[in-house]
Amino acid sequence: MSDKSGDGGVQYWFNTRTGEVEESSTRSSWTHRMGPYPTREAAERALDQAKQRNDTWEDEDADWRGGKS
């Protein structure tokens, strides 16, 4: 995967170990990284966005199984 976004700009990652946003030139090991994201702000919201997705999927799965868990 390229270090640059499609428009030639920098990409951003969220480091789950440090809680910091990293740029493409200074990113850490993939084991602690979420992304890439097109903006710093999107990377800063990475954990919240992942939690929202997980909650939605759990609700959908419960509905599919026939009830809330």
Protein backbone atom coordinates (compact mmCIF):
# COMPACT_ATOMS: atom_id res chain seq x y z
CA MET A 1 0.00 0.00 0.00
CA SER A 2 1.25 3.46 -0.82
CA ASP A 3 2.15 6.00 1.88
CA LYS A 4 0.35 8.76 0.00
CA SER A 5 -3.35 9.30 -0.42
CA GLY A 6 -4.88 9.32 -3.88
CA ASP A 7 -4.57 13.10 -4.15
CA GLY A 8 -0.83 13.07 -3.33
CA GLY A 9 -1.31 14.11 0.31
CA VAL A 10 -0.23 12.47 3.51
CA GLN A 11 -2.20 9.61 5.03
CA TYR A 12 -2.78 9.21 8.76
CA TRP A 13 -2.93 6.24 11.13
CA PHE A 14 -4.13 5.87 14.72
CA ASN A 15 -1.70 4.10 17.04
CA THR A 16 -3.72 1.98 19.48
CA ARG A 17 -0.78 1.58 21.86
CA THR A 18 0.10 5.26 22.24
CA GLY A 19 -3.26 6.84 21.37
CA GLU A 20 -1.46 9.16 18.95
CA VAL A 21 -2.07 9.96 15.30
CA GLU A 22 0.86 9.16 13.02
CA GLU A 23 1.64 10.39 9.53
CA SER A 24 2.74 8.17 6.69
CA SER A 25 6.40 9.08 7.13
CA THR A 26 6.49 8.24 10.86
CA ARG A 27 4.07 5.38 11.27
CA SER A 28 4.74 2.55 13.70
CA SER A 29 4.40 -1.21 13.36
CA TRP A 30 1.18 -2.46 11.77
CA THR A 31 0.41 -4.36 14.99
CA HIS A 32 -0.56 -1.10 16.72
CA ARG A 33 -2.00 0.79 13.76
CA MET A 34 -5.50 1.54 12.44
CA GLY A 35 -5.88 3.18 9.06
CA PRO A 36 -5.01 4.73 6.78
CA TYR A 37 -7.30 7.73 7.11
CA PRO A 38 -7.40 10.70 4.73
CA THR A 39 -7.26 13.33 7.49
CA ARG A 40 -5.80 13.72 10.96
CA GLU A 41 -9.32 14.30 12.32
CA ALA A 42 -10.59 11.02 10.88
CA ALA A 43 -7.64 9.17 12.45
CA GLU A 44 -8.34 10.82 15.81
CA ARG A 45 -11.89 9.39 15.68
CA ALA A 46 -10.73 5.87 14.75
CA LEU A 47 -11.64 4.16 18.03
CA ASP A 48 -15.03 5.87 18.29
CA GLN A 49 -15.84 4.92 14.72
CA ALA A 50 -14.80 1.30 15.30
CA LYS A 51 -16.93 1.11 18.46
CA GLN A 52 -19.96 2.50 16.63
CA ARG A 53 -19.52 -0.05 13.83
CA ASN A 54 -19.17 -2.91 16.30
CA ASP A 55 -22.28 -1.81 18.21
CA THR A 56 -24.24 -1.62 14.96
CA TRP A 57 -23.07 -5.07 13.85
CA GLU A 58 -23.92 -6.57 17.26
CA ASP A 59 -27.42 -5.06 17.11
CA GLU A 60 -27.93 -6.34 13.56
CA ASP A 61 -26.68 -9.78 14.56
CA ALA A 62 -29.03 -9.88 17.56
CA ASP A 63 -31.95 -8.85 15.34
CA TRP A 64 -31.04 -11.55 12.83
CA ARG A 65 -30.95 -14.14 15.63
CA GLY A 66 -34.41 -13.07 16.76
CA GLY A 67 -33.89 -10.78 19.70
CA LYS A 68 -31.66 -8.38 21.54
CA SER A 69 -28.85 -9.76 23.64
